Amino acid sequence: MRLQEAQQLVDDWIRTYGVRYFSELTNMAILTEEVGELARIMARTYGDQSF
């Protein structure tokens, strides 16, 4: 399956079963939160912080 086909499947699902797409601000906030969680784990595993 090509990326474009996968994107179309997701778009079809959202338009059929989902409520709506999230706004750009919401997507940025969610991504920032996830990156922060990854950064915390990396800092505690490889950096000066400990668990």
PDB file of N, CA and C in Angstrom:
ATOM      1  N   MET A   1       0.846  -1.180   0.000  1.00  0.00           N
ATOM      2  CA  MET A   1       0.000   0.000   0.000  1.00  0.00           C
ATOM      3  C   MET A   1       0.891   1.243   0.000  1.00  0.00           C
ATOM      4  N   ARG A   2       0.563   2.165  -0.853  1.00  0.00           N
ATOM      5  CA  ARG A   2       1.308   3.423  -0.930  1.00  0.00           C
ATOM      6  C   ARG A   2       0.793   4.381   0.140  1.00  0.00           C
ATOM      7  N   LEU A   3       1.618   5.369   0.486  1.00  0.00           N
ATOM      8  CA  LEU A   3       1.263   6.341   1.509  1.00  0.00           C
ATOM      9  C   LEU A   3      -0.024   7.070   1.152  1.00  0.00           C
ATOM     10  N   GLN A   4      -0.170   7.449  -0.099  1.00  0.00           N
ATOM     11  CA  GLN A   4      -1.366   8.178  -0.525  1.00  0.00           C
ATOM     12  C   GLN A   4      -2.622   7.329  -0.314  1.00  0.00           C
ATOM     13  N   GLU A   5      -2.524   6.031  -0.557  1.00  0.00           N
ATOM     14  CA  GLU A   5      -3.671   5.139  -0.345  1.00  0.00           C
ATOM     15  C   GLU A   5      -4.008   5.035   1.139  1.00  0.00           C
ATOM     16  N   ALA A   6      -2.987   4.956   1.983  1.00  0.00           N
ATOM     17  CA  ALA A   6      -3.216   4.903   3.428  1.00  0.00           C
ATOM     18  C   ALA A   6      -3.856   6.200   3.920  1.00  0.00           C
ATOM     19  N   GLN A   7      -3.379   7.332   3.416  1.00  0.00           N
ATOM     20  CA  GLN A   7      -3.965   8.617   3.794  1.00  0.00           C
ATOM     21  C   GLN A   7      -5.430   8.691   3.378  1.00  0.00           C
ATOM     22  N   GLN A   8      -5.747   8.162   2.219  1.00  0.00           N
ATOM     23  CA  GLN A   8      -7.127   8.173   1.741  1.00  0.00           C
ATOM     24  C   GLN A   8      -8.008   7.296   2.621  1.00  0.00           C
ATOM     25  N   LEU A   9      -7.492   6.144   3.051  1.00  0.00           N
ATOM     26  CA  LEU A   9      -8.256   5.273   3.952  1.00  0.00           C
ATOM     27  C   LEU A   9      -8.556   5.976   5.270  1.00  0.00           C
ATOM     28  N   VAL A  10      -7.559   6.658   5.818  1.00  0.00           N
ATOM     29  CA  VAL A  10      -7.759   7.393   7.068  1.00  0.00           C
ATOM     30  C   VAL A  10      -8.771   8.509   6.866  1.00  0.00           C
ATOM     31  N   ASP A  11      -8.647   9.254   5.778  1.00  0.00           N
ATOM     32  CA  ASP A  11      -9.581  10.340   5.489  1.00  0.00           C
ATOM     33  C   ASP A  11     -11.005   9.813   5.347  1.00  0.00           C
ATOM     34  N   ASP A  12     -11.164   8.701   4.653  1.00  0.00           N
ATOM     35  CA  ASP A  12     -12.493   8.103   4.500  1.00  0.00           C
ATOM     36  C   ASP A  12     -13.067   7.701   5.849  1.00  0.00           C
ATOM     37  N   TRP A  13     -12.236   7.115   6.715  1.00  0.00           N
ATOM     38  CA  TRP A  13     -12.709   6.685   8.033  1.00  0.00           C
ATOM     39  C   TRP A  13     -13.147   7.886   8.865  1.00  0.00           C
ATOM     40  N   ILE A  14     -12.324   8.949   8.869  1.00  0.00           N
ATOM     41  CA  ILE A  14     -12.660  10.144   9.653  1.00  0.00           C
ATOM     42  C   ILE A  14     -13.964  10.755   9.160  1.00  0.00           C
ATOM     43  N   ARG A  15     -14.142  10.818   7.862  1.00  0.00           N
ATOM     44  CA  ARG A  15     -15.359  11.428   7.319  1.00  0.00           C
ATOM     45  C   ARG A  15     -16.590  10.547   7.548  1.00  0.00           C
ATOM     46  N   THR A  16     -16.402   9.226   7.697  1.00  0.00           N
ATOM     47  CA  THR A  16     -17.530   8.316   7.896  1.00  0.00           C
ATOM     48  C   THR A  16     -17.854   8.125   9.373  1.00  0.00           C
ATOM     49  N   TYR A  17     -16.834   7.851  10.197  1.00  0.00           N
ATOM     50  CA  TYR A  17     -17.054   7.490  11.597  1.00  0.00           C
ATOM     51  C   TYR A  17     -16.576   8.541  12.581  1.00  0.00           C
ATOM     52  N   GLY A  18     -15.587   9.312  12.204  1.00  0.00           N
ATOM     53  CA  GLY A  18     -15.009  10.288  13.122  1.00  0.00           C
ATOM     54  C   GLY A  18     -15.874  11.531  13.240  1.00  0.00           C
ATOM     55  N   VAL A  19     -15.503  12.369  14.181  1.00  0.00           N
ATOM     56  CA  VAL A  19     -16.240  13.611  14.389  1.00  0.00           C
ATOM     57  C   VAL A  19     -15.723  14.689  13.444  1.00  0.00           C
ATOM     58  N   ARG A  20     -14.399  14.912  13.474  1.00  0.00           N
ATOM     59  CA  ARG A  20     -13.777  15.919  12.609  1.00  0.00           C
ATOM     60  C   ARG A  20     -12.267  15.810  12.756  1.00  0.00           C
ATOM     61  N   TYR A  21     -11.561  16.521  11.919  1.00  0.00           N
ATOM     62  CA  TYR A  21     -10.115  16.647  12.077  1.00  0.00           C
ATOM     63  C   TYR A  21      -9.840  17.630  13.206  1.00  0.00           C
ATOM     64  N   PHE A  22      -8.727  17.424  13.923  1.00  0.00           N
ATOM     65  CA  PHE A  22      -8.329  18.387  14.942  1.00  0.00           C
ATOM     66  C   PHE A  22      -7.748  19.624  14.267  1.00  0.00           C
ATOM     67  N   SER A  23      -7.810  20.754  14.963  1.00  0.00           N
ATOM     68  CA  SER A  23      -7.232  21.990  14.432  1.00  0.00           C
ATOM     69  C   SER A  23      -5.707  21.914  14.498  1.00  0.00           C
ATOM     70  N   GLU A  24      -5.053  22.830  13.811  1.00  0.00           N
ATOM     71  CA  GLU A  24      -3.597  22.869  13.805  1.00  0.00           C
ATOM     72  C   GLU A  24      -3.054  23.087  15.208  1.00  0.00           C
ATOM     73  N   LEU A  25      -3.709  23.952  15.995  1.00  0.00           N
ATOM     74  CA  LEU A  25      -3.254  24.224  17.358  1.00  0.00           C
ATOM     75  C   LEU A  25      -3.332  22.972  18.221  1.00  0.00           C
ATOM     76  N   THR A  26      -4.427  22.236  18.110  1.00  0.00           N
ATOM     77  CA  THR A  26      -4.576  21.005  18.883  1.00  0.00           C
ATOM     78  C   THR A  26      -3.530  19.985  18.472  1.00  0.00           C
ATOM     79  N   ASN A  27      -3.303  19.822  17.176  1.00  0.00           N
ATOM     80  CA  ASN A  27      -2.278  18.884  16.712  1.00  0.00           C
ATOM     81  C   ASN A  27      -0.900  19.264  17.234  1.00  0.00           C
ATOM     82  N   MET A  28      -0.572  20.563  17.229  1.00  0.00           N
ATOM     83  CA  MET A  28       0.723  21.002  17.721  1.00  0.00           C
ATOM     84  C   MET A  28       0.851  20.730  19.216  1.00  0.00           C
ATOM     85  N   ALA A  29      -0.206  20.986  19.978  1.00  0.00           N
ATOM     86  CA  ALA A  29      -0.172  20.764  21.420  1.00  0.00           C
ATOM     87  C   ALA A  29      -0.001  19.282  21.749  1.00  0.00           C
ATOM     88  N   ILE A  30      -0.700  18.413  21.031  1.00  0.00           N
ATOM     89  CA  ILE A  30      -0.581  16.971  21.261  1.00  0.00           C
ATOM     90  C   ILE A  30       0.827  16.497  20.917  1.00  0.00           C
ATOM     91  N   LEU A  31       1.363  16.950  19.776  1.00  0.00           N
ATOM     92  CA  LEU A  31       2.713  16.567  19.378  1.00  0.00           C
ATOM     93  C   LEU A  31       3.737  17.053  20.394  1.00  0.00           C
ATOM     94  N   THR A  32       3.592  18.290  20.876  1.00  0.00           N
ATOM     95  CA  THR A  32       4.513  18.842  21.865  1.00  0.00           C
ATOM     96  C   THR A  32       4.491  18.013  23.142  1.00  0.00           C
ATOM     97  N   GLU A  33       3.313  17.607  23.572  1.00  0.00           N
ATOM     98  CA  GLU A  33       3.190  16.783  24.774  1.00  0.00           C
ATOM     99  C   GLU A  33       3.909  15.444  24.597  1.00  0.00           C
ATOM    100  N   GLU A  34       3.710  14.804  23.462  1.00  0.00           N
ATOM    101  CA  GLU A  34       4.343  13.502  23.212  1.00  0.00           C
ATOM    102  C   GLU A  34       5.862  13.630  23.135  1.00  0.00           C
ATOM    103  N   VAL A  35       6.361  14.671  22.464  1.00  0.00           N
ATOM    104  CA  VAL A  35       7.806  14.884  22.366  1.00  0.00           C
ATOM    105  C   VAL A  35       8.383  15.140  23.753  1.00  0.00           C
ATOM    106  N   GLY A  36       7.650  15.869  24.595  1.00  0.00           N
ATOM    107  CA  GLY A  36       8.101  16.124  25.963  1.00  0.00           C
ATOM    108  C   GLY A  36       8.223  14.847  26.774  1.00  0.00           C
ATOM    109  N   GLU A  37       7.278  13.929  26.603  1.00  0.00           N
ATOM    110  CA  GLU A  37       7.350  12.654  27.313  1.00  0.00           C
ATOM    111  C   GLU A  37       8.559  11.849  26.860  1.00  0.00           C
ATOM    112  N   LEU A  38       8.835  11.845  25.564  1.00  0.00           N
ATOM    113  CA  LEU A  38      10.013  11.148  25.041  1.00  0.00           C
ATOM    114  C   LEU A  38      11.294  11.793  25.567  1.00  0.00           C
ATOM    115  N   ALA A  39      11.332  13.123  25.604  1.00  0.00           N
ATOM    116  CA  ALA A  39      12.511  13.834  26.103  1.00  0.00           C
ATOM    117  C   ALA A  39      12.758  13.505  27.574  1.00  0.00           C
ATOM    118  N   ARG A  40      11.704  13.395  28.367  1.00  0.00           N
ATOM    119  CA  ARG A  40      11.850  13.051  29.781  1.00  0.00           C
ATOM    120  C   ARG A  40      12.480  11.677  29.940  1.00  0.00           C
ATOM    121  N   ILE A  41      12.009  10.702  29.169  1.00  0.00           N
ATOM    122  CA  ILE A  41      12.555   9.342  29.248  1.00  0.00           C
ATOM    123  C   ILE A  41      14.019   9.324  28.815  1.00  0.00           C
ATOM    124  N   MET A  42      14.336  10.040  27.734  1.00  0.00           N
ATOM    125  CA  MET A  42      15.728  10.071  27.261  1.00  0.00           C
ATOM    126  C   MET A  42      16.641  10.746  28.285  1.00  0.00           C
ATOM    127  N   ALA A  43      16.176  11.829  28.908  1.00  0.00           N
ATOM    128  CA  ALA A  43      16.987  12.532  29.900  1.00  0.00           C
ATOM    129  C   ALA A  43      17.251  11.646  31.107  1.00  0.00           C
ATOM    130  N   ARG A  44      16.266  10.857  31.485  1.00  0.00           N
ATOM    131  CA  ARG A  44      16.444   9.996  32.655  1.00  0.00           C
ATOM    132  C   ARG A  44      17.225   8.737  32.332  1.00  0.00           C
ATOM    133  N   THR A  45      17.169   8.284  31.098  1.00  0.00           N
ATOM    134  CA  THR A  45      17.898   7.075  30.717  1.00  0.00           C
ATOM    135  C   THR A  45      19.349   7.386  30.359  1.00  0.00           C
ATOM    136  N   TYR A  46      19.569   8.452  29.603  1.00  0.00           N
ATOM    137  CA  TYR A  46      20.906   8.742  29.079  1.00  0.00           C
ATOM    138  C   TYR A  46      21.526  10.011  29.661  1.00  0.00           C
ATOM    139  N   GLY A  47      20.752  10.825  30.342  1.00  0.00           N
ATOM    140  CA  GLY A  47      21.265  12.100  30.841  1.00  0.00           C
ATOM    141  C   GLY A  47      21.588  12.058  32.324  1.00  0.00           C
ATOM    142  N   ASP A  48      21.627  13.234  32.931  1.00  0.00           N
ATOM    143  CA  ASP A  48      22.010  13.353  34.334  1.00  0.00           C
ATOM    144  C   ASP A  48      20.870  13.058  35.294  1.00  0.00           C
ATOM    145  N   GLN A  49      19.647  13.079  34.826  1.00  0.00           N
ATOM    146  CA  GLN A  49      18.518  12.769  35.704  1.00  0.00           C
ATOM    147  C   GLN A  49      18.411  11.267  35.896  1.00  0.00           C
ATOM    148  N   SER A  50      17.778  10.865  36.977  1.00  0.00           N
ATOM    149  CA  SER A  50      17.548   9.438  37.208  1.00  0.00           C
ATOM    150  C   SER A  50      16.079   9.224  37.537  1.00  0.00           C
ATOM    151  N   PHE A  51      15.657   7.982  37.470  1.00  0.00           N
ATOM    152  CA  PHE A  51      14.242   7.666  37.743  1.00  0.00           C
ATOM    153  C   PHE A  51      13.931   7.746  39.205  1.00  0.00           C
TER     154      PHE A  51
END
